[in-house]
Protein backbone atom coordinates (compact mmCIF):
# COMPACT_ATOMS: atom_id res chain seq x y z
CA MET A 1 5.36 -18.90 -6.26
CA ASN A 2 7.23 -20.45 -3.36
CA PHE A 3 5.97 -20.87 0.18
CA GLU A 4 8.03 -18.01 1.60
CA GLU A 5 6.85 -15.55 -1.07
CA ASP A 6 3.24 -16.59 -0.50
CA TYR A 7 3.62 -16.22 3.28
CA ILE A 8 5.08 -12.72 3.01
CA MET A 9 2.36 -11.67 0.56
CA ARG A 10 -0.34 -12.88 2.98
CA MET A 11 1.38 -11.14 5.88
CA ILE A 12 1.39 -7.82 3.99
CA LYS A 13 -2.28 -8.22 3.11
CA ASP A 14 -3.13 -9.01 6.75
CA MET A 15 -1.18 -5.99 7.97
CA VAL A 16 -3.14 -3.72 5.62
CA LYS A 17 -6.41 -5.25 6.83
CA ALA A 18 -5.37 -4.66 10.44
CA LEU A 19 -4.39 -1.06 9.71
CA ALA A 20 -7.73 -0.39 8.02
CA SER A 21 -9.60 -1.93 10.91
CA VAL A 22 -7.78 0.10 13.55
CA VAL A 23 -7.45 3.46 11.77
CA LEU A 24 -10.52 3.52 9.54
CA GLY A 25 -12.74 1.47 11.84
CA ARG A 26 -13.84 -0.79 9.01
CA ARG A 27 -12.71 -3.58 6.73
CA PHE A 28 -10.21 -2.73 4.03
CA THR A 29 -11.58 -2.02 0.58
CA GLU A 30 -9.36 -1.03 -2.30
CA TYR A 31 -9.28 2.61 -3.29
CA GLU A 32 -11.84 3.39 -5.96
CA VAL A 33 -11.54 6.32 -8.30
CA GLU A 34 -14.81 8.20 -8.51
CA GLU A 35 -15.06 8.66 -12.27
CA GLU A 36 -17.95 11.15 -12.11
CA LYS A 37 -16.20 13.52 -9.74
CA ALA A 38 -12.55 12.50 -9.75
CA SER A 39 -10.43 14.48 -7.32
CA ASP A 40 -6.76 15.38 -7.54
CA THR A 41 -6.13 12.41 -5.26
CA ASP A 42 -7.97 10.12 -7.69
CA PHE A 43 -5.86 11.31 -10.62
CA LEU A 44 -2.69 10.94 -8.59
CA TYR A 45 -3.66 7.40 -7.60
CA ARG A 46 -4.10 6.46 -11.25
CA ASP A 47 -0.71 7.97 -12.06
CA ILE A 48 1.22 6.17 -9.32
CA ILE A 49 -0.40 2.82 -10.17
CA GLU A 50 0.50 3.31 -13.82
CA MET A 51 4.07 4.23 -12.87
CA ALA A 52 4.40 1.17 -10.65
CA ASP A 53 2.98 -1.10 -13.35
CA LYS A 54 5.68 0.22 -15.69
CA GLY A 55 8.36 -0.66 -13.14
CA LYS A 56 8.83 2.79 -11.62
CA ILE A 57 7.85 1.52 -8.19
CA ASN A 58 10.32 3.60 -6.16
CA GLU A 59 9.33 6.77 -7.97
CA ALA A 60 5.64 6.03 -7.46
CA GLU A 61 6.18 5.37 -3.76
CA ASN A 62 8.16 8.60 -3.40
CA ILE A 63 5.24 10.54 -4.87
CA LEU A 64 2.86 8.69 -2.57
CA LEU A 65 4.91 9.60 0.48
CA THR A 66 5.80 13.19 -0.38
CA ASP A 67 3.34 14.75 -2.80
CA ILE A 68 0.05 13.76 -1.21
CA ASP A 69 -2.20 15.94 0.93
CA GLN A 70 -2.30 13.79 4.04
CA SER A 71 -5.27 15.76 5.35
CA ASP A 72 -7.33 14.15 2.56
CA SER A 73 -9.39 11.48 4.30
CA ARG A 74 -8.92 9.09 1.38
CA TYR A 75 -5.12 9.26 1.54
CA LEU A 76 -4.74 6.28 3.88
CA GLU A 77 -7.08 4.16 1.78
CA MET A 78 -5.12 5.13 -1.33
CA ALA A 79 -1.76 4.36 0.26
CA MET A 80 -2.97 0.97 1.53
CA SER A 81 -4.32 0.15 -1.93
CA PHE A 82 -0.98 1.07 -3.47
CA TYR A 83 0.84 -1.40 -1.23
CA ILE A 84 -1.76 -4.11 -1.87
CA HIS A 85 -1.39 -3.49 -5.61
CA ILE A 86 2.39 -3.75 -5.70
CA ASN A 87 2.24 -6.75 -3.37
CA LYS A 88 0.62 -8.64 -6.26
CA TYR A 89 3.77 -8.29 -8.37
CA THR A 90 6.11 -11.26 -8.60
CA ASP A 91 9.42 -11.17 -6.76
CA GLU A 92 11.10 -11.24 -10.16
CA PHE A 93 9.26 -8.11 -11.32
CA LEU A 94 10.04 -6.35 -8.05
CA ALA A 95 13.74 -7.27 -8.20
CA ALA A 96 14.03 -6.33 -11.87
CA ASN A 97 12.77 -2.88 -10.94
CA GLY A 98 14.92 -2.31 -7.85
CA TYR A 99 12.25 -3.11 -5.27
CA SER A 100 11.58 -5.92 -2.81
CA ARG A 101 8.81 -7.46 -0.80
CA GLN A 102 10.63 -6.24 2.34
CA GLU A 103 10.25 -2.68 1.09
CA ILE A 104 6.50 -3.25 0.81
CA LEU A 105 6.46 -4.44 4.43
CA ASP A 106 8.52 -1.42 5.46
CA GLY A 107 6.11 0.90 3.62
CA VAL A 108 3.05 -0.55 5.35
CA GLU A 109 4.78 -0.33 8.73
CA ALA A 110 5.76 3.30 8.06
CA LEU A 111 2.17 4.05 7.08
CA ALA A 112 0.98 2.52 10.33
CA GLU A 113 3.50 4.50 12.39
CA ALA A 114 2.49 7.72 10.61
CA ASN A 115 -1.02 7.00 11.88
CA GLY A 116 0.12 6.40 15.45
CA ILE A 117 0.32 2.61 15.35
CA LYS A 118 3.50 0.77 16.25
CA GLY A 119 4.05 -2.97 16.11
CA LEU A 120 1.52 -3.61 13.36
CA ASP A 121 3.26 -6.85 12.43
CA GLY A 122 2.09 -8.36 15.72
CA LEU A 123 -1.41 -6.94 15.28
CA SER A 124 -1.91 -8.84 12.04
CA ASP A 125 -1.61 -12.11 13.97
CA THR A 126 -4.84 -11.33 15.80
CA LEU A 127 -6.99 -11.19 12.67
């Protein structure tokens, strides 16, 4: 991993932490599927992670952005966890599957804007 890749990965992680702090009012924790009483959102999260792991990152993101009930209070946590998850992929894996680290940044910024926050990239510097 080169310095630039590492820097961008840390910046994405910091942006997600900032978003969680501002919108959820708490520290970011990854989305956890409640096995005992799994909801439709839980099943969908498993599906999009599995798709992304198989290289269908764009398709998984499209489902995340279009097929989710945004009134579900766990949606934001799930979406942030998705971006943290795909941020762990190597640049080579992302490129081989038609995705980029910049698209992860764009997704996190779009998520922030959808929740009424603009300029999240500057907010992450304050953490």
